[in-house]
PDB file of N, CA and C in Angstrom:
ATOM      1  N   MET A   1       0.975  -1.007  -0.070  1.00  0.00           N
ATOM      2  CA  MET A   1      -0.282   0.042   0.081  1.00  0.00           C
ATOM      3  C   MET A   1       0.917   1.341  -0.115  1.00  0.00           C
ATOM      4  N   ALA A   2       1.949   1.420   0.763  1.00  0.00           N
ATOM      5  CA  ALA A   2       2.699   2.552   0.749  1.00  0.00           C
ATOM      6  C   ALA A   2       3.881   3.088  -0.427  1.00  0.00           C
ATOM      7  N   ASP A   3       4.154   1.716  -1.101  1.00  0.00           N
ATOM      8  CA  ASP A   3       4.287   1.715  -2.139  1.00  0.00           C
ATOM      9  C   ASP A   3       3.874   2.575  -3.676  1.00  0.00           C
ATOM     10  N   LEU A   4       2.531   2.601  -3.638  1.00  0.00           N
ATOM     11  CA  LEU A   4       1.503   2.900  -4.290  1.00  0.00           C
ATOM     12  C   LEU A   4       1.938   4.540  -4.939  1.00  0.00           C
ATOM     13  N   LYS A   5       2.243   4.607  -6.009  1.00  0.00           N
ATOM     14  CA  LYS A   5       2.453   6.517  -6.131  1.00  0.00           C
ATOM     15  C   LYS A   5       1.377   6.569  -7.049  1.00  0.00           C
ATOM     16  N   ILE A   6       0.540   7.818  -6.360  1.00  0.00           N
ATOM     17  CA  ILE A   6      -0.495   8.143  -6.759  1.00  0.00           C
ATOM     18  C   ILE A   6      -0.192   9.386  -7.564  1.00  0.00           C
ATOM     19  N   LEU A   7      -1.205  10.027  -8.641  1.00  0.00           N
ATOM     20  CA  LEU A   7      -0.926  10.755  -9.548  1.00  0.00           C
ATOM     21  C   LEU A   7      -2.443  11.761  -9.041  1.00  0.00           C
ATOM     22  N   ALA A   8      -2.740  12.991  -8.720  1.00  0.00           N
ATOM     23  CA  ALA A   8      -3.993  13.871  -8.277  1.00  0.00           C
ATOM     24  C   ALA A   8      -4.078  14.671  -9.568  1.00  0.00           C
ATOM     25  N   VAL A   9      -5.064  14.850 -10.163  1.00  0.00           N
ATOM     26  CA  VAL A   9      -4.879  15.842 -11.228  1.00  0.00           C
ATOM     27  C   VAL A   9      -6.183  16.263 -10.766  1.00  0.00           C
ATOM     28  N   ASP A  10      -5.863  18.032 -10.404  1.00  0.00           N
ATOM     29  CA  ASP A  10      -7.129  18.596 -10.337  1.00  0.00           C
ATOM     30  C   ASP A  10      -6.698  19.955 -10.728  1.00  0.00           C
ATOM     31  N   ASP A  11      -7.547  20.958 -11.619  1.00  0.00           N
ATOM     32  CA  ASP A  11      -7.200  22.352 -11.638  1.00  0.00           C
ATOM     33  C   ASP A  11      -7.097  22.969 -10.293  1.00  0.00           C
ATOM     34  N   SER A  12      -7.965  22.870  -9.213  1.00  0.00           N
ATOM     35  CA  SER A  12      -8.539  23.211  -8.259  1.00  0.00           C
ATOM     36  C   SER A  12      -6.938  22.888  -6.984  1.00  0.00           C
ATOM     37  N   PRO A  13      -6.420  23.981  -6.728  1.00  0.00           N
ATOM     38  CA  PRO A  13      -4.996  23.824  -5.812  1.00  0.00           C
ATOM     39  C   PRO A  13      -5.676  22.763  -4.332  1.00  0.00           C
ATOM     40  N   THR A  14      -6.923  23.936  -4.163  1.00  0.00           N
ATOM     41  CA  THR A  14      -7.646  23.342  -2.952  1.00  0.00           C
ATOM     42  C   THR A  14      -8.302  21.902  -2.881  1.00  0.00           C
ATOM     43  N   MET A  15      -8.779  21.446  -3.498  1.00  0.00           N
ATOM     44  CA  MET A  15      -9.384  20.118  -4.155  1.00  0.00           C
ATOM     45  C   MET A  15      -8.085  18.979  -3.947  1.00  0.00           C
ATOM     46  N   ARG A  16      -7.055  19.533  -4.734  1.00  0.00           N
ATOM     47  CA  ARG A  16      -5.755  18.946  -4.839  1.00  0.00           C
ATOM     48  C   ARG A  16      -5.218  18.577  -3.266  1.00  0.00           C
ATOM     49  N   ARG A  17      -5.240  19.934  -2.402  1.00  0.00           N
ATOM     50  CA  ARG A  17      -5.088  19.269  -1.180  1.00  0.00           C
ATOM     51  C   ARG A  17      -5.939  18.536  -0.348  1.00  0.00           C
ATOM     52  N   ILE A  18      -6.980  18.478  -0.778  1.00  0.00           N
ATOM     53  CA  ILE A  18      -7.930  18.072   0.220  1.00  0.00           C
ATOM     54  C   ILE A  18      -8.104  15.999   0.103  1.00  0.00           C
ATOM     55  N   ILE A  19      -7.710  16.165  -1.311  1.00  0.00           N
ATOM     56  CA  ILE A  19      -7.066  14.760  -2.011  1.00  0.00           C
ATOM     57  C   ILE A  19      -6.094  14.486  -1.434  1.00  0.00           C
ATOM     58  N   ILE A  20      -4.595  15.185  -1.214  1.00  0.00           N
ATOM     59  CA  ILE A  20      -3.833  14.923  -0.378  1.00  0.00           C
ATOM     60  C   ILE A  20      -3.439  14.408   0.793  1.00  0.00           C
ATOM     61  N   ASN A  21      -4.158  15.279   1.211  1.00  0.00           N
ATOM     62  CA  ASN A  21      -4.319  15.048   2.972  1.00  0.00           C
ATOM     63  C   ASN A  21      -5.345  13.283   3.428  1.00  0.00           C
ATOM     64  N   THR A  22      -6.445  13.348   2.722  1.00  0.00           N
ATOM     65  CA  THR A  22      -7.569  12.460   2.458  1.00  0.00           C
ATOM     66  C   THR A  22      -6.524  10.713   2.485  1.00  0.00           C
ATOM     67  N   LEU A  23      -5.501  10.975   1.265  1.00  0.00           N
ATOM     68  CA  LEU A  23      -4.761   9.899   0.824  1.00  0.00           C
ATOM     69  C   LEU A  23      -4.150   9.603   2.067  1.00  0.00           C
ATOM     70  N   LYS A  24      -3.315  10.283   2.722  1.00  0.00           N
ATOM     71  CA  LYS A  24      -2.202  10.584   3.191  1.00  0.00           C
ATOM     72  C   LYS A  24      -2.597   9.797   4.657  1.00  0.00           C
ATOM     73  N   ARG A  25      -4.112  10.402   5.243  1.00  0.00           N
ATOM     74  CA  ARG A  25      -4.743  10.044   6.199  1.00  0.00           C
ATOM     75  C   ARG A  25      -5.531   8.146   6.096  1.00  0.00           C
ATOM     76  N   ALA A  26      -5.560   7.553   4.826  1.00  0.00           N
ATOM     77  CA  ALA A  26      -5.643   6.484   4.656  1.00  0.00           C
ATOM     78  C   ALA A  26      -4.647   5.320   4.086  1.00  0.00           C
ATOM     79  N   GLY A  27      -3.255   6.123   4.373  1.00  0.00           N
ATOM     80  CA  GLY A  27      -2.045   5.193   4.123  1.00  0.00           C
ATOM     81  C   GLY A  27      -1.181   5.559   3.142  1.00  0.00           C
ATOM     82  N   TYR A  28      -1.929   6.389   1.702  1.00  0.00           N
ATOM     83  CA  TYR A  28      -1.037   6.555   0.917  1.00  0.00           C
ATOM     84  C   TYR A  28      -0.284   8.095   0.721  1.00  0.00           C
ATOM     85  N   SER A  29       0.815   7.840   1.243  1.00  0.00           N
ATOM     86  CA  SER A  29       1.971   9.017   1.541  1.00  0.00           C
ATOM     87  C   SER A  29       2.281   9.677   0.333  1.00  0.00           C
ATOM     88  N   ASP A  30       2.421   8.699  -0.798  1.00  0.00           N
ATOM     89  CA  ASP A  30       3.545   9.114  -1.943  1.00  0.00           C
ATOM     90  C   ASP A  30       2.782   9.707  -3.245  1.00  0.00           C
ATOM     91  N   VAL A  31       2.279  11.067  -2.897  1.00  0.00           N
ATOM     92  CA  VAL A  31       1.478  11.314  -3.953  1.00  0.00           C
ATOM     93  C   VAL A  31       2.308  13.255  -5.026  1.00  0.00           C
ATOM     94  N   ILE A  32       1.946  12.473  -6.072  1.00  0.00           N
ATOM     95  CA  ILE A  32       2.273  13.375  -7.025  1.00  0.00           C
ATOM     96  C   ILE A  32       0.901  14.533  -7.398  1.00  0.00           C
ATOM     97  N   GLU A  33       1.536  15.842  -7.892  1.00  0.00           N
ATOM     98  CA  GLU A  33       0.060  16.292  -8.137  1.00  0.00           C
ATOM     99  C   GLU A  33       0.308  17.058  -9.210  1.00  0.00           C
ATOM    100  N   ALA A  34      -0.561  17.686  -9.950  1.00  0.00           N
ATOM    101  CA  ALA A  34      -0.868  18.003 -11.607  1.00  0.00           C
ATOM    102  C   ALA A  34      -2.166  18.813 -11.724  1.00  0.00           C
ATOM    103  N   ASN A  35      -2.115  19.693 -12.651  1.00  0.00           N
ATOM    104  CA  ASN A  35      -3.265  20.643 -12.515  1.00  0.00           C
ATOM    105  C   ASN A  35      -4.433  20.596 -13.746  1.00  0.00           C
ATOM    106  N   ASP A  36      -3.703  19.905 -14.522  1.00  0.00           N
ATOM    107  CA  ASP A  36      -5.018  19.437 -15.977  1.00  0.00           C
ATOM    108  C   ASP A  36      -3.816  18.220 -16.380  1.00  0.00           C
ATOM    109  N   GLY A  37      -4.650  17.645 -17.501  1.00  0.00           N
ATOM    110  CA  GLY A  37      -4.047  16.473 -18.233  1.00  0.00           C
ATOM    111  C   GLY A  37      -2.919  16.664 -18.824  1.00  0.00           C
ATOM    112  N   LYS A  38      -2.488  17.665 -19.502  1.00  0.00           N
ATOM    113  CA  LYS A  38      -1.248  17.847 -19.813  1.00  0.00           C
ATOM    114  C   LYS A  38      -0.878  17.810 -19.010  1.00  0.00           C
ATOM    115  N   ASP A  39      -0.444  18.396 -18.340  1.00  0.00           N
ATOM    116  CA  ASP A  39       0.287  19.080 -16.978  1.00  0.00           C
ATOM    117  C   ASP A  39       0.858  16.770 -16.317  1.00  0.00           C
ATOM    118  N   ALA A  40      -0.352  16.328 -16.255  1.00  0.00           N
ATOM    119  CA  ALA A  40      -0.717  14.979 -15.518  1.00  0.00           C
ATOM    120  C   ALA A  40       0.621  14.045 -16.742  1.00  0.00           C
ATOM    121  N   LEU A  41       0.284  14.144 -17.797  1.00  0.00           N
ATOM    122  CA  LEU A  41       1.112  13.650 -18.951  1.00  0.00           C
ATOM    123  C   LEU A  41       2.386  13.573 -18.777  1.00  0.00           C
ATOM    124  N   ALA A  42       2.550  15.139 -18.629  1.00  0.00           N
ATOM    125  CA  ALA A  42       4.346  15.586 -18.633  1.00  0.00           C
ATOM    126  C   ALA A  42       4.742  15.081 -17.365  1.00  0.00           C
ATOM    127  N   LYS A  43       4.300  14.930 -16.281  1.00  0.00           N
ATOM    128  CA  LYS A  43       4.868  14.080 -15.504  1.00  0.00           C
ATOM    129  C   LYS A  43       4.463  12.983 -15.456  1.00  0.00           C
ATOM    130  N   MET A  44       4.070  12.202 -15.576  1.00  0.00           N
ATOM    131  CA  MET A  44       4.150  11.206 -16.166  1.00  0.00           C
ATOM    132  C   MET A  44       4.874  10.419 -17.208  1.00  0.00           C
ATOM    133  N   LYS A  45       5.935  11.129 -17.782  1.00  0.00           N
ATOM    134  CA  LYS A  45       6.707  10.929 -18.482  1.00  0.00           C
ATOM    135  C   LYS A  45       8.017  10.622 -17.931  1.00  0.00           C
ATOM    136  N   VAL A  46       7.989  11.443 -16.123  1.00  0.00           N
ATOM    137  CA  VAL A  46       9.268  11.579 -15.969  1.00  0.00           C
ATOM    138  C   VAL A  46       9.231  10.695 -13.961  1.00  0.00           C
ATOM    139  N   GLU A  47       7.822  10.552 -14.093  1.00  0.00           N
ATOM    140  CA  GLU A  47       7.519   9.777 -12.786  1.00  0.00           C
ATOM    141  C   GLU A  47       6.601   8.330 -13.243  1.00  0.00           C
ATOM    142  N   THR A  48       7.227   7.287 -12.218  1.00  0.00           N
ATOM    143  CA  THR A  48       6.415   5.787 -12.548  1.00  0.00           C
ATOM    144  C   THR A  48       5.258   6.493 -11.549  1.00  0.00           C
ATOM    145  N   VAL A  49       4.051   6.438 -12.555  1.00  0.00           N
ATOM    146  CA  VAL A  49       2.944   6.747 -11.404  1.00  0.00           C
ATOM    147  C   VAL A  49       1.734   5.019 -11.649  1.00  0.00           C
ATOM    148  N   ASN A  50       1.319   4.842 -10.287  1.00  0.00           N
ATOM    149  CA  ASN A  50       0.640   3.575 -10.337  1.00  0.00           C
ATOM    150  C   ASN A  50      -0.794   3.702  -9.830  1.00  0.00           C
ATOM    151  N   PHE A  51      -1.235   4.864  -9.934  1.00  0.00           N
ATOM    152  CA  PHE A  51      -2.600   5.301  -9.745  1.00  0.00           C
ATOM    153  C   PHE A  51      -3.000   6.534 -10.077  1.00  0.00           C
ATOM    154  N   VAL A  52      -3.889   7.195 -10.788  1.00  0.00           N
ATOM    155  CA  VAL A  52      -4.284   8.397 -10.794  1.00  0.00           C
ATOM    156  C   VAL A  52      -5.969   8.447 -10.632  1.00  0.00           C
ATOM    157  N   ILE A  53      -5.942   9.488  -9.751  1.00  0.00           N
ATOM    158  CA  ILE A  53      -7.110   9.888  -9.316  1.00  0.00           C
ATOM    159  C   ILE A  53      -7.165  11.655 -10.098  1.00  0.00           C
ATOM    160  N   THR A  54      -8.460  11.718 -11.046  1.00  0.00           N
ATOM    161  CA  THR A  54      -8.523  13.083 -12.076  1.00  0.00           C
ATOM    162  C   THR A  54      -9.951  13.234 -11.662  1.00  0.00           C
ATOM    163  N   ASP A  55     -10.196  14.525 -12.006  1.00  0.00           N
ATOM    164  CA  ASP A  55     -11.012  15.929 -11.926  1.00  0.00           C
ATOM    165  C   ASP A  55     -11.689  15.540 -13.457  1.00  0.00           C
ATOM    166  N   TRP A  56     -12.542  15.847 -14.031  1.00  0.00           N
ATOM    167  CA  TRP A  56     -13.236  15.880 -15.058  1.00  0.00           C
ATOM    168  C   TRP A  56     -13.131  17.268 -15.575  1.00  0.00           C
ATOM    169  N   ASN A  57     -13.146  18.446 -15.121  1.00  0.00           N
ATOM    170  CA  ASN A  57     -13.679  19.483 -15.682  1.00  0.00           C
ATOM    171  C   ASN A  57     -12.181  20.427 -15.234  1.00  0.00           C
ATOM    172  N   MET A  58     -11.454  20.933 -16.475  1.00  0.00           N
ATOM    173  CA  MET A  58     -10.271  21.141 -16.388  1.00  0.00           C
ATOM    174  C   MET A  58      -9.772  21.796 -17.317  1.00  0.00           C
ATOM    175  N   PRO A  59      -8.851  22.700 -17.537  1.00  0.00           N
ATOM    176  CA  PRO A  59      -8.756  23.550 -18.199  1.00  0.00           C
ATOM    177  C   PRO A  59      -7.650  22.889 -19.254  1.00  0.00           C
ATOM    178  N   GLU A  60      -7.021  23.283 -20.670  1.00  0.00           N
ATOM    179  CA  GLU A  60      -5.848  22.706 -21.221  1.00  0.00           C
ATOM    180  C   GLU A  60      -6.238  21.333 -21.628  1.00  0.00           C
ATOM    181  N   MET A  61      -6.579  20.345 -20.842  1.00  0.00           N
ATOM    182  CA  MET A  61      -7.396  19.280 -21.308  1.00  0.00           C
ATOM    183  C   MET A  61      -7.856  18.071 -20.082  1.00  0.00           C
ATOM    184  N   ASP A  62      -8.963  18.603 -20.261  1.00  0.00           N
ATOM    185  CA  ASP A  62      -9.811  17.911 -19.643  1.00  0.00           C
ATOM    186  C   ASP A  62      -9.573  16.407 -18.937  1.00  0.00           C
ATOM    187  N   GLY A  63     -10.459  15.884 -17.916  1.00  0.00           N
ATOM    188  CA  GLY A  63     -10.010  14.351 -17.652  1.00  0.00           C
ATOM    189  C   GLY A  63     -10.452  13.615 -18.359  1.00  0.00           C
ATOM    190  N   LEU A  64     -11.574  13.576 -19.318  1.00  0.00           N
ATOM    191  CA  LEU A  64     -12.180  12.814 -20.292  1.00  0.00           C
ATOM    192  C   LEU A  64     -10.995  12.316 -21.028  1.00  0.00           C
ATOM    193  N   THR A  65     -10.676  13.648 -21.760  1.00  0.00           N
ATOM    194  CA  THR A  65      -9.602  13.332 -22.624  1.00  0.00           C
ATOM    195  C   THR A  65      -8.331  12.904 -22.091  1.00  0.00           C
ATOM    196  N   PHE A  66      -7.968  12.821 -20.800  1.00  0.00           N
ATOM    197  CA  PHE A  66      -6.682  12.463 -20.094  1.00  0.00           C
ATOM    198  C   PHE A  66      -6.724  10.946 -20.334  1.00  0.00           C
ATOM    199  N   VAL A  67      -8.383  10.744 -19.922  1.00  0.00           N
ATOM    200  CA  VAL A  67      -8.307   8.915 -19.973  1.00  0.00           C
ATOM    201  C   VAL A  67      -7.887   8.660 -20.900  1.00  0.00           C
ATOM    202  N   THR A  68      -8.976   8.904 -21.936  1.00  0.00           N
ATOM    203  CA  THR A  68      -8.985   8.459 -23.246  1.00  0.00           C
ATOM    204  C   THR A  68      -7.446   8.683 -24.185  1.00  0.00           C
ATOM    205  N   THR A  69      -6.741   9.708 -23.286  1.00  0.00           N
ATOM    206  CA  THR A  69      -5.463   9.468 -24.227  1.00  0.00           C
ATOM    207  C   THR A  69      -4.656   8.296 -23.759  1.00  0.00           C
ATOM    208  N   LEU A  70      -4.489   8.362 -22.259  1.00  0.00           N
ATOM    209  CA  LEU A  70      -3.994   7.385 -21.303  1.00  0.00           C
ATOM    210  C   LEU A  70      -4.632   5.811 -22.198  1.00  0.00           C
ATOM    211  N   ARG A  71      -5.547   5.473 -22.181  1.00  0.00           N
ATOM    212  CA  ARG A  71      -5.806   4.396 -22.579  1.00  0.00           C
ATOM    213  C   ARG A  71      -5.399   4.205 -23.651  1.00  0.00           C
ATOM    214  N   SER A  72      -4.906   4.989 -24.496  1.00  0.00           N
ATOM    215  CA  SER A  72      -4.297   4.774 -26.223  1.00  0.00           C
ATOM    216  C   SER A  72      -3.073   4.216 -26.401  1.00  0.00           C
ATOM    217  N   MET A  73      -1.991   4.476 -25.160  1.00  0.00           N
ATOM    218  CA  MET A  73      -1.297   4.606 -24.522  1.00  0.00           C
ATOM    219  C   MET A  73      -0.756   2.931 -24.101  1.00  0.00           C
ATOM    220  N   ASP A  74      -0.263   2.018 -24.488  1.00  0.00           N
ATOM    221  CA  ASP A  74       0.607   0.798 -24.215  1.00  0.00           C
ATOM    222  C   ASP A  74       0.783   0.985 -22.629  1.00  0.00           C
ATOM    223  N   GLU A  75       1.313   1.350 -22.478  1.00  0.00           N
ATOM    224  CA  GLU A  75       2.147   1.763 -21.062  1.00  0.00           C
ATOM    225  C   GLU A  75       1.050   1.782 -20.036  1.00  0.00           C
ATOM    226  N   TYR A  76      -0.196   2.198 -20.602  1.00  0.00           N
ATOM    227  CA  TYR A  76      -0.951   2.981 -19.334  1.00  0.00           C
ATOM    228  C   TYR A  76      -2.464   2.371 -19.428  1.00  0.00           C
ATOM    229  N   LYS A  77      -2.616   1.498 -20.382  1.00  0.00           N
ATOM    230  CA  LYS A  77      -3.652   0.795 -20.691  1.00  0.00           C
ATOM    231  C   LYS A  77      -4.257   0.288 -19.356  1.00  0.00           C
ATOM    232  N   ASN A  78      -3.692  -0.434 -18.470  1.00  0.00           N
ATOM    233  CA  ASN A  78      -3.998  -0.816 -17.333  1.00  0.00           C
ATOM    234  C   ASN A  78      -3.992  -0.211 -16.086  1.00  0.00           C
ATOM    235  N   LEU A  79      -3.456   0.959 -16.181  1.00  0.00           N
ATOM    236  CA  LEU A  79      -3.493   2.139 -15.117  1.00  0.00           C
ATOM    237  C   LEU A  79      -4.693   2.157 -14.409  1.00  0.00           C
ATOM    238  N   PRO A  80      -4.379   1.507 -13.073  1.00  0.00           N
ATOM    239  CA  PRO A  80      -5.860   2.305 -12.461  1.00  0.00           C
ATOM    240  C   PRO A  80      -6.303   4.054 -12.623  1.00  0.00           C
ATOM    241  N   VAL A  81      -7.523   4.320 -12.504  1.00  0.00           N
ATOM    242  CA  VAL A  81      -7.826   5.561 -12.775  1.00  0.00           C
ATOM    243  C   VAL A  81      -9.100   5.690 -12.169  1.00  0.00           C
ATOM    244  N   LEU A  82      -8.921   6.519 -11.239  1.00  0.00           N
ATOM    245  CA  LEU A  82     -10.290   6.951 -10.511  1.00  0.00           C
ATOM    246  C   LEU A  82     -10.526   8.369 -10.787  1.00  0.00           C
ATOM    247  N   MET A  83     -11.941   9.025 -11.177  1.00  0.00           N
ATOM    248  CA  MET A  83     -12.822  10.076 -12.246  1.00  0.00           C
ATOM    249  C   MET A  83     -13.688  10.478 -10.224  1.00  0.00           C
ATOM    250  N   VAL A  84     -12.658  11.731  -9.942  1.00  0.00           N
ATOM    251  CA  VAL A  84     -13.530  12.475  -8.579  1.00  0.00           C
ATOM    252  C   VAL A  84     -14.109  14.025  -8.917  1.00  0.00           C
ATOM    253  N   THR A  85     -15.390  13.924  -9.281  1.00  0.00           N
ATOM    254  CA  THR A  85     -15.906  14.903  -9.949  1.00  0.00           C
ATOM    255  C   THR A  85     -16.818  15.621  -9.643  1.00  0.00           C
ATOM    256  N   THR A  86     -17.800  16.510  -9.757  1.00  0.00           N
ATOM    257  CA  THR A  86     -18.762  17.602  -9.503  1.00  0.00           C
ATOM    258  C   THR A  86     -19.806  16.739 -10.251  1.00  0.00           C
ATOM    259  N   ARG A  87     -19.606  15.746 -11.714  1.00  0.00           N
ATOM    260  CA  ARG A  87     -20.564  15.516 -12.882  1.00  0.00           C
ATOM    261  C   ARG A  87     -21.256  14.443 -12.425  1.00  0.00           C
ATOM    262  N   SER A  88     -22.459  14.496 -11.591  1.00  0.00           N
ATOM    263  CA  SER A  88     -23.162  13.281 -11.141  1.00  0.00           C
ATOM    264  C   SER A  88     -24.219  12.754 -12.367  1.00  0.00           C
ATOM    265  N   VAL A  89     -24.487  13.527 -13.508  1.00  0.00           N
ATOM    266  CA  VAL A  89     -25.588  12.476 -14.165  1.00  0.00           C
ATOM    267  C   VAL A  89     -24.796  11.191 -14.988  1.00  0.00           C
ATOM    268  N   LYS A  90     -25.614  10.562 -14.819  1.00  0.00           N
ATOM    269  CA  LYS A  90     -25.880   8.794 -14.896  1.00  0.00           C
ATOM    270  C   LYS A  90     -24.749   8.988 -16.443  1.00  0.00           C
ATOM    271  N   ASP A  91     -25.081   9.992 -17.781  1.00  0.00           N
ATOM    272  CA  ASP A  91     -24.746   9.304 -18.646  1.00  0.00           C
ATOM    273  C   ASP A  91     -23.612  10.142 -18.574  1.00  0.00           C
ATOM    274  N   ASP A  92     -22.803  11.064 -17.727  1.00  0.00           N
ATOM    275  CA  ASP A  92     -21.656  11.425 -17.490  1.00  0.00           C
ATOM    276  C   ASP A  92     -20.831  10.630 -17.458  1.00  0.00           C
ATOM    277  N   ILE A  93     -21.320   9.290 -15.965  1.00  0.00           N
ATOM    278  CA  ILE A  93     -20.706   8.499 -15.358  1.00  0.00           C
ATOM    279  C   ILE A  93     -20.402   7.599 -16.375  1.00  0.00           C
ATOM    280  N   LEU A  94     -21.673   7.259 -17.049  1.00  0.00           N
ATOM    281  CA  LEU A  94     -21.698   6.054 -18.035  1.00  0.00           C
ATOM    282  C   LEU A  94     -20.195   6.217 -18.911  1.00  0.00           C
ATOM    283  N   GLU A  95     -20.228   7.654 -19.630  1.00  0.00           N
ATOM    284  CA  GLU A  95     -19.204   8.169 -20.760  1.00  0.00           C
ATOM    285  C   GLU A  95     -17.980   7.791 -20.554  1.00  0.00           C
ATOM    286  N   ALA A  96     -17.501   8.064 -18.856  1.00  0.00           N
ATOM    287  CA  ALA A  96     -16.123   8.252 -17.893  1.00  0.00           C
ATOM    288  C   ALA A  96     -15.996   6.754 -17.914  1.00  0.00           C
ATOM    289  N   MET A  97     -16.594   6.027 -17.754  1.00  0.00           N
ATOM    290  CA  MET A  97     -16.282   4.680 -17.761  1.00  0.00           C
ATOM    291  C   MET A  97     -16.257   3.685 -19.334  1.00  0.00           C
ATOM    292  N   LYS A  98     -16.934   4.325 -19.914  1.00  0.00           N
ATOM    293  CA  LYS A  98     -16.447   4.023 -21.352  1.00  0.00           C
ATOM    294  C   LYS A  98     -15.153   4.559 -21.907  1.00  0.00           C
ATOM    295  N   ALA A  99     -14.550   5.646 -21.296  1.00  0.00           N
ATOM    296  CA  ALA A  99     -13.398   6.413 -21.674  1.00  0.00           C
ATOM    297  C   ALA A  99     -12.512   5.185 -21.158  1.00  0.00           C
ATOM    298  N   GLY A 100     -12.393   4.933 -19.601  1.00  0.00           N
ATOM    299  CA  GLY A 100     -12.061   3.547 -19.330  1.00  0.00           C
ATOM    300  C   GLY A 100     -11.619   4.243 -17.984  1.00  0.00           C
ATOM    301  N   VAL A 101     -11.911   4.824 -16.933  1.00  0.00           N
ATOM    302  CA  VAL A 101     -11.985   5.110 -15.695  1.00  0.00           C
ATOM    303  C   VAL A 101     -12.433   3.585 -14.995  1.00  0.00           C
ATOM    304  N   ASN A 102     -11.800   3.198 -14.019  1.00  0.00           N
ATOM    305  CA  ASN A 102     -11.445   2.400 -13.159  1.00  0.00           C
ATOM    306  C   ASN A 102     -12.865   2.484 -12.489  1.00  0.00           C
ATOM    307  N   ASN A 103     -13.378   3.465 -11.449  1.00  0.00           N
ATOM    308  CA  ASN A 103     -13.910   4.426 -10.821  1.00  0.00           C
ATOM    309  C   ASN A 103     -14.974   5.197 -11.011  1.00  0.00           C
ATOM    310  N   TYR A 104     -15.239   5.831  -9.843  1.00  0.00           N
ATOM    311  CA  TYR A 104     -16.177   7.411 -10.229  1.00  0.00           C
ATOM    312  C   TYR A 104     -16.797   7.662  -8.450  1.00  0.00           C
ATOM    313  N   ILE A 105     -15.810   9.068  -7.997  1.00  0.00           N
ATOM    314  CA  ILE A 105     -16.665   9.463  -6.953  1.00  0.00           C
ATOM    315  C   ILE A 105     -16.984  10.994  -7.112  1.00  0.00           C
ATOM    316  N   VAL A 106     -18.553  11.138  -7.170  1.00  0.00           N
ATOM    317  CA  VAL A 106     -19.009  12.666  -7.112  1.00  0.00           C
ATOM    318  C   VAL A 106     -18.628  13.299  -6.052  1.00  0.00           C
ATOM    319  N   LYS A 107     -17.839  14.580  -6.142  1.00  0.00           N
ATOM    320  CA  LYS A 107     -17.743  15.346  -5.299  1.00  0.00           C
ATOM    321  C   LYS A 107     -19.293  16.006  -4.129  1.00  0.00           C
ATOM    322  N   PRO A 108     -19.243  16.115  -3.782  1.00  0.00           N
ATOM    323  CA  PRO A 108     -18.079  16.120  -2.079  1.00  0.00           C
ATOM    324  C   PRO A 108     -18.305  14.628  -2.249  1.00  0.00           C
ATOM    325  N   PHE A 109     -16.979  14.229  -1.214  1.00  0.00           N
ATOM    326  CA  PHE A 109     -16.761  12.956  -1.184  1.00  0.00           C
ATOM    327  C   PHE A 109     -16.458  12.911   0.387  1.00  0.00           C
ATOM    328  N   THR A 110     -16.633  11.746   1.188  1.00  0.00           N
ATOM    329  CA  THR A 110     -15.850  11.252   2.305  1.00  0.00           C
ATOM    330  C   THR A 110     -14.246  10.295   2.053  1.00  0.00           C
ATOM    331  N   PRO A 111     -13.675  10.713   3.080  1.00  0.00           N
ATOM    332  CA  PRO A 111     -12.180  10.005   3.174  1.00  0.00           C
ATOM    333  C   PRO A 111     -12.723   8.638   3.005  1.00  0.00           C
ATOM    334  N   ASP A 112     -13.681   8.110   3.800  1.00  0.00           N
ATOM    335  CA  ASP A 112     -14.176   7.064   3.375  1.00  0.00           C
ATOM    336  C   ASP A 112     -14.361   6.561   2.339  1.00  0.00           C
ATOM    337  N   THR A 113     -15.284   6.878   1.165  1.00  0.00           N
ATOM    338  CA  THR A 113     -15.703   6.799   0.306  1.00  0.00           C
ATOM    339  C   THR A 113     -14.243   6.442  -0.606  1.00  0.00           C
ATOM    340  N   LEU A 114     -13.110   7.787  -0.489  1.00  0.00           N
ATOM    341  CA  LEU A 114     -12.034   7.728  -1.017  1.00  0.00           C
ATOM    342  C   LEU A 114     -11.761   6.442  -1.357  1.00  0.00           C
ATOM    343  N   LYS A 115     -10.974   5.984   0.302  1.00  0.00           N
ATOM    344  CA  LYS A 115     -10.298   5.177   0.766  1.00  0.00           C
ATOM    345  C   LYS A 115     -10.808   3.471   0.168  1.00  0.00           C
ATOM    346  N   GLU A 116     -12.152   3.348  -0.001  1.00  0.00           N
ATOM    347  CA  GLU A 116     -12.979   2.297  -0.259  1.00  0.00           C
ATOM    348  C   GLU A 116     -13.122   2.097  -1.705  1.00  0.00           C
ATOM    349  N   LYS A 117     -13.224   3.196  -2.576  1.00  0.00           N
ATOM    350  CA  LYS A 117     -12.731   3.184  -4.125  1.00  0.00           C
ATOM    351  C   LYS A 117     -11.310   2.442  -4.700  1.00  0.00           C
ATOM    352  N   ILE A 118     -10.192   3.154  -3.702  1.00  0.00           N
ATOM    353  CA  ILE A 118      -9.314   3.148  -4.212  1.00  0.00           C
ATOM    354  C   ILE A 118      -8.781   1.302  -3.980  1.00  0.00           C
ATOM    355  N   GLU A 119      -9.250   1.203  -2.707  1.00  0.00           N
ATOM    356  CA  GLU A 119      -8.807  -0.541  -2.225  1.00  0.00           C
ATOM    357  C   GLU A 119      -9.871  -1.207  -3.479  1.00  0.00           C
ATOM    358  N   SER A 120     -11.440  -0.817  -4.028  1.00  0.00           N
ATOM    359  CA  SER A 120     -12.011  -2.133  -4.889  1.00  0.00           C
ATOM    360  C   SER A 120     -11.019  -2.152  -5.697  1.00  0.00           C
ATOM    361  N   ILE A 121     -10.529  -0.795  -6.656  1.00  0.00           N
ATOM    362  CA  ILE A 121      -9.919  -0.932  -7.688  1.00  0.00           C
ATOM    363  C   ILE A 121      -9.063  -1.594  -7.329  1.00  0.00           C
ATOM    364  N   LEU A 122      -8.016  -1.303  -6.473  1.00  0.00           N
ATOM    365  CA  LEU A 122      -6.437  -2.247  -6.298  1.00  0.00           C
ATOM    366  C   LEU A 122      -6.913  -3.887  -6.349  1.00  0.00           C
ATOM    367  N   ALA A 123      -7.895  -3.990  -5.767  1.00  0.00           N
ATOM    368  CA  ALA A 123      -8.826  -5.484  -5.292  1.00  0.00           C
ATOM    369  C   ALA A 123      -8.955  -6.276  -6.916  1.00  0.00           C
ATOM    370  N   GLY A 124      -9.014  -5.265  -7.523  1.00  0.00           N
ATOM    371  CA  GLY A 124      -9.509  -5.160  -9.027  1.00  0.00           C
ATOM    372  C   GLY A 124     -11.019  -6.263  -9.082  1.00  0.00           C
TER     373      GLY A 124
END
């Protein structure tokens, strides 16, 4: 669990801080940050990431485009991706799942929800 490197992608520094603090409380301390999909892809070129938590609505490259891009690259085809977003419409959730996210959390969320979703994705 502790050797899992998580990439938190969100254009809101406050939201990234909340996610990082929640992850730390859940025992995940190796977290890097990106402020959009483009930034995330650049960081993934230099860092080995084992898990991605991404927002949907972001400038430059949104979460859906980011996930679609990841899934089109061989080295990231099976990378676990959790989407954390305010978009709660069923069609949006289905679209995200089709794009390749492993699971989906609607903001606001509880620390327990985040931990449970991560564990369920890792358990396969």
